[in-house]
Amino acid sequence: NLCRVYNWVFRAVTGQPDSGAIVQMRIKTVPLKYGNSIINGYARRDTADVNGYFYLDVYPNSILTPSTTKYEVIIFKTDGTIYKDTAVTVPATNCWQLIW
């Protein structure tokens, strides 16, 4: 039931892969339910590899209760830049490229 969310992180000035950038996805809504289970503080984190590639396996929003939840995505780049989007909906599919 998980969706693999993926993309690549690059340095703004050079366009080179940002190896070591940290990507975090979380849902702040509590309580949050998946089936009969209560999830408290749902978050996933990955570090970009040498090619700048990252992926996170997360629940699609439509299978959670409430289904209107949104993911907060935060990217901590190695140069100190932080990108943040607080309204990301993950579709009910096997994999999905996160675009920002």
N, C-alpha and C. Protein backbone atom coordinates (compact mmCIF):
# COMPACT_ATOMS: atom_id res chain seq x y z
N ASN A 1 0.81 -1.22 0.00
CA ASN A 1 0.00 0.00 0.00
C ASN A 1 0.84 1.27 0.00
N LEU A 2 2.16 1.15 0.07
CA LEU A 2 3.01 2.33 0.11
C LEU A 2 3.30 2.84 -1.30
N CYS A 3 3.62 4.12 -1.37
CA CYS A 3 4.01 4.76 -2.62
C CYS A 3 5.47 5.19 -2.49
N ARG A 4 6.29 4.86 -3.46
CA ARG A 4 7.69 5.31 -3.45
C ARG A 4 7.75 6.70 -4.08
N VAL A 5 8.05 7.70 -3.26
CA VAL A 5 8.18 9.08 -3.70
C VAL A 5 9.67 9.32 -3.94
N TYR A 6 10.03 9.85 -5.11
CA TYR A 6 11.44 9.98 -5.46
C TYR A 6 11.70 11.26 -6.25
N ASN A 7 12.96 11.63 -6.32
CA ASN A 7 13.45 12.70 -7.18
C ASN A 7 14.95 12.83 -6.96
N TRP A 8 15.52 13.88 -7.52
CA TRP A 8 16.94 14.18 -7.38
C TRP A 8 17.07 15.59 -6.84
N VAL A 9 18.12 15.82 -6.06
CA VAL A 9 18.40 17.15 -5.51
C VAL A 9 19.72 17.63 -6.12
N PHE A 10 19.70 18.86 -6.64
CA PHE A 10 20.89 19.44 -7.27
C PHE A 10 21.25 20.76 -6.60
N ARG A 11 22.52 21.11 -6.65
CA ARG A 11 22.98 22.40 -6.14
C ARG A 11 22.52 23.49 -7.10
N ALA A 12 22.04 24.58 -6.56
CA ALA A 12 21.48 25.66 -7.37
C ALA A 12 22.52 26.31 -8.28
N VAL A 13 23.68 26.59 -7.77
CA VAL A 13 24.68 27.34 -8.53
C VAL A 13 25.37 26.48 -9.59
N THR A 14 25.81 25.29 -9.20
CA THR A 14 26.59 24.45 -10.12
C THR A 14 25.76 23.44 -10.91
N GLY A 15 24.58 23.11 -10.41
CA GLY A 15 23.76 22.10 -11.07
C GLY A 15 24.24 20.68 -10.80
N GLN A 16 25.24 20.53 -9.93
CA GLN A 16 25.77 19.22 -9.57
C GLN A 16 24.84 18.54 -8.56
N PRO A 17 24.85 17.22 -8.49
CA PRO A 17 24.04 16.51 -7.49
C PRO A 17 24.38 16.97 -6.08
N ASP A 18 23.37 17.10 -5.25
CA ASP A 18 23.58 17.53 -3.87
C ASP A 18 23.60 16.31 -2.96
N SER A 19 24.70 15.57 -3.06
CA SER A 19 24.89 14.38 -2.23
C SER A 19 24.89 14.80 -0.77
N GLY A 20 24.08 14.15 0.03
CA GLY A 20 24.02 14.48 1.45
C GLY A 20 22.84 15.36 1.82
N ALA A 21 22.09 15.88 0.85
CA ALA A 21 20.89 16.64 1.16
C ALA A 21 19.91 15.72 1.87
N ILE A 22 19.19 16.25 2.84
CA ILE A 22 18.23 15.45 3.61
C ILE A 22 16.82 15.84 3.17
N VAL A 23 16.01 14.83 2.89
CA VAL A 23 14.62 15.05 2.48
C VAL A 23 13.73 14.39 3.52
N GLN A 24 12.78 15.17 4.02
CA GLN A 24 11.87 14.67 5.05
C GLN A 24 10.43 14.89 4.61
N MET A 25 9.60 13.89 4.81
CA MET A 25 8.16 14.01 4.58
C MET A 25 7.46 13.63 5.87
N ARG A 26 6.46 14.44 6.27
CA ARG A 26 5.73 14.11 7.49
C ARG A 26 4.30 14.62 7.42
N ILE A 27 3.47 13.99 8.20
CA ILE A 27 2.09 14.44 8.38
C ILE A 27 1.95 14.81 9.84
N LYS A 28 1.55 16.03 10.10
CA LYS A 28 1.44 16.52 11.47
C LYS A 28 0.10 16.19 12.12
N THR A 29 -0.90 15.79 11.32
CA THR A 29 -2.24 15.51 11.85
C THR A 29 -2.20 14.37 12.85
N VAL A 30 -2.76 14.58 14.02
CA VAL A 30 -2.91 13.53 15.03
C VAL A 30 -4.32 13.61 15.60
N PRO A 31 -4.99 12.52 15.85
CA PRO A 31 -4.53 11.19 15.50
C PRO A 31 -4.71 10.94 14.00
N LEU A 32 -3.88 10.10 13.47
CA LEU A 32 -3.90 9.70 12.07
C LEU A 32 -4.08 8.19 12.07
N LYS A 33 -4.97 7.69 11.21
CA LYS A 33 -5.25 6.26 11.20
C LYS A 33 -4.96 5.64 9.84
N TYR A 34 -4.44 4.41 9.89
CA TYR A 34 -4.31 3.56 8.72
C TYR A 34 -5.02 2.26 9.09
N GLY A 35 -6.17 2.02 8.48
CA GLY A 35 -6.98 0.86 8.86
C GLY A 35 -7.39 0.99 10.31
N ASN A 36 -7.07 -0.02 11.12
CA ASN A 36 -7.41 0.01 12.54
C ASN A 36 -6.26 0.49 13.42
N SER A 37 -5.16 0.91 12.79
CA SER A 37 -3.99 1.35 13.54
C SER A 37 -3.94 2.86 13.64
N ILE A 38 -3.57 3.35 14.79
CA ILE A 38 -3.37 4.79 15.00
C ILE A 38 -1.89 5.08 14.82
N ILE A 39 -1.61 6.09 13.99
CA ILE A 39 -0.23 6.50 13.72
C ILE A 39 -0.02 7.85 14.40
N ASN A 40 1.00 7.96 15.20
CA ASN A 40 1.28 9.21 15.90
C ASN A 40 2.63 9.75 15.44
N GLY A 41 2.62 10.94 14.84
CA GLY A 41 3.88 11.55 14.41
C GLY A 41 4.49 10.86 13.22
N TYR A 42 3.74 10.67 12.14
CA TYR A 42 4.23 9.95 10.97
C TYR A 42 5.24 10.78 10.19
N ALA A 43 6.46 10.25 10.03
CA ALA A 43 7.51 10.95 9.27
C ALA A 43 8.48 9.95 8.67
N ARG A 44 9.03 10.30 7.51
CA ARG A 44 10.06 9.52 6.85
C ARG A 44 11.16 10.47 6.40
N ARG A 45 12.40 9.97 6.36
CA ARG A 45 13.54 10.81 6.01
C ARG A 45 14.54 9.98 5.21
N ASP A 46 15.17 10.63 4.23
CA ASP A 46 16.23 9.97 3.45
C ASP A 46 17.31 11.00 3.15
N THR A 47 18.50 10.51 2.85
CA THR A 47 19.62 11.35 2.47
C THR A 47 19.96 11.06 1.01
N ALA A 48 20.11 12.12 0.22
CA ALA A 48 20.41 11.97 -1.20
C ALA A 48 21.76 11.28 -1.38
N ASP A 49 21.82 10.38 -2.37
CA ASP A 49 23.06 9.64 -2.64
C ASP A 49 24.02 10.47 -3.51
N VAL A 50 25.08 9.87 -4.00
CA VAL A 50 26.09 10.60 -4.78
C VAL A 50 25.53 11.21 -6.06
N ASN A 51 24.41 10.69 -6.55
CA ASN A 51 23.75 11.24 -7.73
C ASN A 51 22.66 12.26 -7.39
N GLY A 52 22.49 12.52 -6.09
CA GLY A 52 21.44 13.43 -5.65
C GLY A 52 20.08 12.77 -5.54
N TYR A 53 20.03 11.45 -5.75
CA TYR A 53 18.76 10.70 -5.76
C TYR A 53 18.32 10.37 -4.34
N PHE A 54 17.01 10.50 -4.11
CA PHE A 54 16.42 10.08 -2.84
C PHE A 54 15.09 9.39 -3.11
N TYR A 55 14.64 8.60 -2.16
CA TYR A 55 13.28 8.07 -2.21
C TYR A 55 12.78 7.82 -0.79
N LEU A 56 11.47 7.92 -0.66
CA LEU A 56 10.80 7.64 0.61
C LEU A 56 9.57 6.81 0.31
N ASP A 57 9.36 5.75 1.05
CA ASP A 57 8.16 4.94 0.92
C ASP A 57 7.15 5.42 1.96
N VAL A 58 6.06 6.01 1.46
CA VAL A 58 5.07 6.62 2.35
C VAL A 58 3.66 6.16 1.98
N TYR A 59 2.73 6.40 2.90
CA TYR A 59 1.33 6.07 2.65
C TYR A 59 0.70 7.10 1.71
N PRO A 60 -0.06 6.65 0.72
CA PRO A 60 -0.87 7.60 -0.07
C PRO A 60 -1.89 8.25 0.87
N ASN A 61 -2.18 9.51 0.67
CA ASN A 61 -3.11 10.21 1.55
C ASN A 61 -4.51 9.59 1.55
N SER A 62 -4.94 9.06 0.41
CA SER A 62 -6.31 8.56 0.30
C SER A 62 -6.58 7.33 1.17
N ILE A 63 -5.55 6.60 1.61
CA ILE A 63 -5.79 5.42 2.44
C ILE A 63 -5.67 5.73 3.94
N LEU A 64 -5.43 6.98 4.26
CA LEU A 64 -5.33 7.40 5.66
C LEU A 64 -6.64 8.04 6.11
N THR A 65 -6.85 8.08 7.41
CA THR A 65 -8.01 8.77 7.98
C THR A 65 -7.49 9.82 8.93
N PRO A 66 -7.77 11.08 8.69
CA PRO A 66 -8.58 11.62 7.60
C PRO A 66 -7.80 11.61 6.27
N SER A 67 -8.52 11.41 5.18
CA SER A 67 -7.89 11.33 3.86
C SER A 67 -7.54 12.70 3.30
N THR A 68 -7.94 13.74 3.99
CA THR A 68 -7.66 15.11 3.56
C THR A 68 -6.32 15.62 4.08
N THR A 69 -5.56 14.77 4.74
CA THR A 69 -4.26 15.19 5.27
C THR A 69 -3.32 15.57 4.13
N LYS A 70 -2.30 16.33 4.45
CA LYS A 70 -1.26 16.72 3.50
C LYS A 70 0.10 16.43 4.12
N TYR A 71 1.04 16.08 3.28
CA TYR A 71 2.41 15.90 3.73
C TYR A 71 3.12 17.25 3.73
N GLU A 72 3.98 17.42 4.70
CA GLU A 72 4.92 18.54 4.71
C GLU A 72 6.24 17.97 4.21
N VAL A 73 6.80 18.57 3.18
CA VAL A 73 8.09 18.13 2.63
C VAL A 73 9.12 19.21 2.91
N ILE A 74 10.23 18.80 3.52
CA ILE A 74 11.32 19.73 3.81
C ILE A 74 12.59 19.14 3.23
N ILE A 75 13.31 19.94 2.44
CA ILE A 75 14.60 19.52 1.88
C ILE A 75 15.68 20.41 2.48
N PHE A 76 16.61 19.79 3.18
CA PHE A 76 17.73 20.49 3.79
C PHE A 76 18.94 20.26 2.89
N LYS A 77 19.27 21.26 2.07
CA LYS A 77 20.39 21.13 1.15
C LYS A 77 21.71 21.33 1.90
N THR A 78 22.79 20.80 1.35
CA THR A 78 24.08 20.84 2.04
C THR A 78 24.64 22.26 2.14
N ASP A 79 24.17 23.19 1.30
CA ASP A 79 24.66 24.57 1.39
C ASP A 79 23.87 25.40 2.41
N GLY A 80 22.94 24.75 3.12
CA GLY A 80 22.16 25.44 4.14
C GLY A 80 20.79 25.90 3.66
N THR A 81 20.53 25.81 2.36
CA THR A 81 19.23 26.19 1.82
C THR A 81 18.17 25.17 2.26
N ILE A 82 16.99 25.69 2.59
CA ILE A 82 15.89 24.83 2.99
C ILE A 82 14.70 25.11 2.09
N TYR A 83 14.15 24.05 1.50
CA TYR A 83 12.92 24.15 0.71
C TYR A 83 11.81 23.49 1.51
N LYS A 84 10.62 24.09 1.48
CA LYS A 84 9.52 23.55 2.27
C LYS A 84 8.22 23.69 1.49
N ASP A 85 7.43 22.62 1.49
CA ASP A 85 6.09 22.63 0.91
C ASP A 85 5.19 21.94 1.92
N THR A 86 4.11 22.60 2.33
CA THR A 86 3.26 22.05 3.38
C THR A 86 1.95 21.47 2.86
N ALA A 87 1.80 21.32 1.55
CA ALA A 87 0.53 20.86 1.01
C ALA A 87 0.72 19.81 -0.09
N VAL A 88 1.45 18.75 0.22
CA VAL A 88 1.72 17.71 -0.77
C VAL A 88 0.78 16.53 -0.54
N THR A 89 0.11 16.11 -1.60
CA THR A 89 -0.76 14.93 -1.55
C THR A 89 -0.10 13.82 -2.35
N VAL A 90 0.12 12.69 -1.70
CA VAL A 90 0.73 11.54 -2.35
C VAL A 90 -0.38 10.68 -2.95
N PRO A 91 -0.31 10.40 -4.26
CA PRO A 91 -1.36 9.62 -4.91
C PRO A 91 -1.28 8.12 -4.57
N ALA A 92 -2.38 7.43 -4.79
CA ALA A 92 -2.44 5.99 -4.56
C ALA A 92 -1.87 5.26 -5.77
N THR A 93 -0.56 5.23 -5.85
CA THR A 93 0.16 4.56 -6.94
C THR A 93 1.43 3.95 -6.37
N ASN A 94 2.07 3.08 -7.12
CA ASN A 94 3.29 2.42 -6.62
C ASN A 94 4.47 3.35 -6.49
N CYS A 95 4.61 4.30 -7.43
CA CYS A 95 5.70 5.26 -7.34
C CYS A 95 5.29 6.57 -7.97
N TRP A 96 5.89 7.65 -7.47
CA TRP A 96 5.49 8.98 -7.88
C TRP A 96 6.69 9.93 -7.74
N GLN A 97 6.95 10.71 -8.79
CA GLN A 97 8.06 11.66 -8.74
C GLN A 97 7.58 12.96 -8.10
N LEU A 98 8.21 13.32 -7.00
CA LEU A 98 7.91 14.56 -6.30
C LEU A 98 8.50 15.72 -7.09
N ILE A 99 7.66 16.67 -7.46
CA ILE A 99 8.10 17.85 -8.21
C ILE A 99 7.89 19.07 -7.32
N TRP A 100 8.90 19.91 -7.24
CA TRP A 100 8.76 21.16 -6.48
C TRP A 100 9.35 22.30 -7.25
